[in-house]
Amino acid sequence: MKLPLITLSFFLFSYQITLSQDTDEQVKDTNGNPIFPGGKFYIMPAIFGSTGGGVRLGETNNSSCPTTVLQDYSEVIKGLPVQFQIPGISPGIIFTDITRLNIVFVEKPECVESSKWVVIRDGFSSFSIGIGGVEEYGDGTLKGLFSIKKHVFGYKLVFCPRYTAPPGVCHDIGRYDDENGRRLILTDNEPFEPFEVVLVDATESSI
C-alpha cells in the first residue's frame, strides 16, 4: 500500500525534527531556560572579568551614527538587549548548530532604518558586524544568517553565508580591539578566538 505523498512528507519532516532533537540541544539562558524568538537577552561573555562586558553599538570610522556592533570593555556594562528571529515558518525552538537566525537589537537608533545585525566591509580589514540596511550599505553586505553553537564554557556565535563552497560553511565571530570597544568581526584564524558568550534574560533587570 502506497502512502499519499503528503503523508510521506509529514513522516520525513517529523523524522528530521526528531533527529535534530537527538543530536542538537535547545539554546538556554543563564537561568537554564530555553531562549525563544521575541525574548529579550543580553549577550555577555561566558567568563566574567577582564573579558569585558556586553554587546552594544558604537561609532567608528568617523561616523556620528552608532552602527558598529562592539563589546564593551567594562565587565559591569550589560550592553543592549537583542532578540533572535527565525525567518519563515518555524516551531519557535532555537537549537544549537542547526537553527538559522537574525539577531536584532531591541532599540534602534534614529539614524538607521534597521537594527538587524548585518555583516559588512566598511573599510576595516575584515568583515565586521554592524546594523542597518540598503540605505547605509547598499549591496555591500554579506548575505546569510547567524547561528549559535556550543563552546567550552557557553556558546559561540557564527555567521553562515548564503553561498559557500562547500555548502554550509559558517564563520566564527571574534573580537578586535577598537578605540571605542571590541569590534565584532568574522574570523577563523589565530590570533582571534571565537567570542564565547552566554545569554542573560533582559526582562529580569535593567541596564
Protein backbone atom coordinates (compact mmCIF):
# COMPACT_ATOMS: atom_id res chain seq x y z
CA MET A 1 0.00 0.00 0.00
CA LYS A 2 1.45 3.32 -1.06
CA LEU A 3 1.31 6.26 1.34
CA PRO A 4 -0.01 9.57 -0.03
CA LEU A 5 2.78 12.00 -0.86
CA ILE A 6 1.63 14.50 1.81
CA THR A 7 1.64 11.78 4.49
CA LEU A 8 5.08 10.60 3.45
CA SER A 9 6.41 14.16 3.52
CA PHE A 10 4.99 14.63 7.03
CA PHE A 11 6.72 11.47 8.27
CA LEU A 12 10.02 12.61 6.77
CA PHE A 13 9.66 16.07 8.35
CA SER A 14 8.83 14.52 11.74
CA TYR A 15 11.85 12.23 11.45
CA GLN A 16 14.13 15.19 10.73
CA ILE A 17 12.81 17.08 13.78
CA THR A 18 13.32 14.04 16.00
CA LEU A 19 16.84 13.52 14.62
CA SER A 20 17.68 17.19 15.27
CA GLN A 21 16.45 16.91 18.87
CA ASP A 22 18.65 13.84 19.38
CA THR A 23 21.83 15.42 18.01
CA ASP A 24 21.40 19.09 18.96
CA GLU A 25 20.03 20.83 22.03
CA GLN A 26 17.98 23.90 22.76
CA VAL A 27 19.89 27.09 23.43
CA LYS A 28 19.39 28.18 27.05
CA ASP A 29 19.92 31.37 29.03
CA THR A 30 21.95 31.62 32.23
CA ASN A 31 18.89 30.52 34.25
CA GLY A 32 18.74 27.25 32.30
CA ASN A 33 15.59 28.30 30.44
CA PRO A 34 15.32 27.78 26.65
CA ILE A 35 15.55 31.01 24.71
CA PHE A 36 12.81 31.78 22.23
CA PRO A 37 12.15 34.17 19.33
CA GLY A 38 10.86 37.50 20.62
CA GLY A 39 12.51 37.17 24.02
CA LYS A 40 14.99 39.84 25.11
CA PHE A 41 18.52 38.84 26.05
CA TYR A 42 21.89 40.39 26.80
CA ILE A 43 24.85 38.85 25.01
CA MET A 44 27.56 38.63 27.68
CA PRO A 45 31.00 36.98 27.79
CA ALA A 46 30.96 33.46 29.21
CA ILE A 47 33.75 34.31 31.67
CA PHE A 48 33.22 37.36 33.91
CA GLY A 49 36.06 39.83 34.44
CA SER A 50 38.78 41.06 32.12
CA THR A 51 36.98 39.58 29.11
CA GLY A 52 34.75 42.68 29.15
CA GLY A 53 31.02 43.33 29.22
CA GLY A 54 28.01 43.05 26.97
CA VAL A 55 27.37 43.88 23.33
CA ARG A 56 26.32 47.38 22.31
CA LEU A 57 26.51 49.86 19.44
CA GLY A 58 29.34 52.30 18.83
CA GLU A 59 30.64 54.87 16.37
CA THR A 60 33.64 54.03 14.19
CA ASN A 61 35.29 55.37 11.04
CA ASN A 62 34.47 58.97 12.00
CA SER A 63 30.75 58.27 11.74
CA SER A 64 28.34 60.10 14.03
CA CYS A 65 25.83 57.25 13.75
CA PRO A 66 26.35 54.22 16.04
CA THR A 67 26.13 51.38 13.52
CA THR A 68 29.07 49.19 14.59
CA VAL A 69 28.46 46.24 16.92
CA LEU A 70 31.00 46.28 19.75
CA GLN A 71 31.64 44.51 23.02
CA ASP A 72 32.10 46.98 25.87
CA TYR A 73 35.46 46.90 27.65
CA SER A 74 33.83 47.20 31.09
CA GLU A 75 32.56 43.98 32.68
CA VAL A 76 29.81 45.89 34.54
CA ILE A 77 28.12 47.03 31.31
CA LYS A 78 25.40 44.64 30.13
CA GLY A 79 25.05 46.38 26.79
CA LEU A 80 21.89 46.45 24.70
CA PRO A 81 19.31 43.64 24.66
CA VAL A 82 18.76 41.68 21.48
CA GLN A 83 16.07 39.44 20.07
CA PHE A 84 16.57 36.32 17.98
CA GLN A 85 14.29 35.88 14.97
CA ILE A 86 13.81 32.74 12.90
CA PRO A 87 12.96 33.61 9.27
CA GLY A 88 9.96 31.88 7.73
CA ILE A 89 7.69 29.35 9.39
CA SER A 90 9.24 27.57 12.38
CA PRO A 91 8.23 25.76 15.59
CA GLY A 92 9.78 28.60 17.59
CA ILE A 93 12.53 26.38 19.04
CA ILE A 94 16.14 27.55 18.81
CA PHE A 95 18.58 24.63 18.58
CA THR A 96 22.36 24.80 18.66
CA ASP A 97 24.05 24.49 15.26
CA ILE A 98 21.02 23.95 13.05
CA THR A 99 18.72 26.94 13.68
CA ARG A 100 19.48 29.89 11.40
CA LEU A 101 18.72 33.27 12.93
CA ASN A 102 18.55 37.00 12.55
CA ILE A 103 19.87 38.96 15.54
CA VAL A 104 18.18 42.32 16.17
CA PHE A 105 18.78 44.99 18.82
CA VAL A 106 15.55 45.76 20.66
CA GLU A 107 16.06 49.52 20.27
CA LYS A 108 17.00 51.23 17.01
CA PRO A 109 18.99 54.45 16.59
CA GLU A 110 17.08 57.07 14.62
CA CYS A 111 19.91 57.36 12.10
CA VAL A 112 19.42 53.84 10.65
CA GLU A 113 16.48 52.07 9.06
CA SER A 114 17.02 48.73 10.82
CA SER A 115 18.63 47.35 13.99
CA LYS A 116 19.19 43.91 12.44
CA TRP A 117 22.76 42.64 12.53
CA VAL A 118 24.45 42.54 9.13
CA VAL A 119 27.94 41.53 8.01
CA ILE A 120 29.70 44.37 6.21
CA ARG A 121 33.06 45.51 4.88
CA ASP A 122 33.24 49.21 5.76
CA GLY A 123 36.91 49.94 5.18
CA PHE A 124 38.04 47.69 8.01
CA SER A 125 40.48 44.87 7.17
CA SER A 126 37.93 42.12 7.90
CA PHE A 127 34.20 41.61 7.58
CA SER A 128 32.61 43.06 10.71
CA ILE A 129 29.17 43.20 12.32
CA GLY A 130 27.02 46.29 12.00
CA ILE A 131 23.37 47.27 11.80
CA GLY A 132 21.38 48.98 9.09
CA GLY A 133 20.17 48.19 5.63
CA VAL A 134 20.32 49.22 1.99
CA GLU A 135 20.25 52.89 2.97
CA GLU A 136 23.58 52.57 4.81
CA TYR A 137 25.47 49.92 2.83
CA GLY A 138 23.71 49.40 -0.49
CA ASP A 139 24.70 45.93 -1.65
CA GLY A 140 27.84 45.92 0.50
CA THR A 141 26.54 43.32 2.95
CA LEU A 142 27.34 39.62 3.02
CA LYS A 143 24.06 37.72 2.72
CA GLY A 144 23.37 34.99 5.26
CA LEU A 145 22.13 34.17 8.75
CA PHE A 146 23.58 33.63 12.22
CA SER A 147 23.64 30.51 14.35
CA ILE A 148 24.52 29.61 17.95
CA LYS A 149 26.95 26.78 18.67
CA LYS A 150 28.05 25.12 21.89
CA HIS A 151 31.54 26.08 23.04
CA VAL A 152 33.80 25.38 26.02
CA PHE A 153 32.04 27.35 28.76
CA GLY A 154 28.99 28.62 26.91
CA TYR A 155 28.18 29.34 23.28
CA LYS A 156 29.79 30.99 20.29
CA LEU A 157 28.03 32.98 17.60
CA VAL A 158 28.73 32.13 13.97
CA PHE A 159 27.70 33.59 10.65
CA CYS A 160 26.62 31.31 7.82
CA PRO A 161 26.78 32.97 4.37
CA ARG A 162 24.04 32.12 1.91
CA TYR A 163 26.50 30.90 -0.71
CA THR A 164 29.63 28.96 0.27
CA ALA A 165 31.93 26.33 -1.19
CA PRO A 166 31.48 23.74 0.14
CA PRO A 167 27.85 24.46 1.12
CA GLY A 168 27.00 25.07 4.76
CA VAL A 169 30.28 26.67 5.89
CA CYS A 170 29.90 29.04 8.87
CA HIS A 171 32.44 31.51 10.28
CA ASP A 172 33.23 32.25 13.92
CA ILE A 173 32.59 35.71 15.31
CA GLY A 174 35.62 37.05 17.15
CA ARG A 175 36.73 40.41 18.53
CA TYR A 176 39.18 43.11 17.50
CA ASP A 177 40.22 45.86 19.92
CA ASP A 178 38.95 49.20 18.65
CA GLU A 179 39.27 52.59 20.33
CA ASN A 180 35.58 52.51 21.30
CA GLY A 181 35.33 48.83 22.25
CA ARG A 182 35.95 45.37 20.89
CA ARG A 183 34.60 45.26 17.35
CA LEU A 184 32.84 42.01 16.41
CA ILE A 185 34.39 40.51 13.27
CA LEU A 186 34.28 37.32 11.21
CA THR A 187 37.31 35.17 11.90
CA ASP A 188 38.50 31.60 11.57
CA ASN A 189 42.18 32.27 12.20
CA GLU A 190 44.58 32.99 15.05
CA PRO A 191 45.20 35.21 16.96
CA PHE A 192 41.44 35.83 17.04
CA GLU A 193 39.49 33.33 19.13
CA PRO A 194 35.71 32.89 18.99
CA PHE A 195 33.78 35.29 21.20
CA GLU A 196 32.41 32.87 23.82
CA VAL A 197 29.11 34.11 25.23
CA VAL A 198 26.18 33.42 27.50
CA LEU A 199 22.65 34.77 27.13
CA VAL A 200 21.14 36.68 30.05
CA ASP A 201 17.39 37.25 30.35
CA ALA A 202 16.97 41.01 29.88
CA THR A 203 13.48 41.07 31.41
CA GLU A 204 14.82 40.38 34.90
CA SER A 205 16.80 43.59 35.33
CA SER A 206 17.54 46.86 33.61
CA ILE A 207 20.88 48.07 32.28
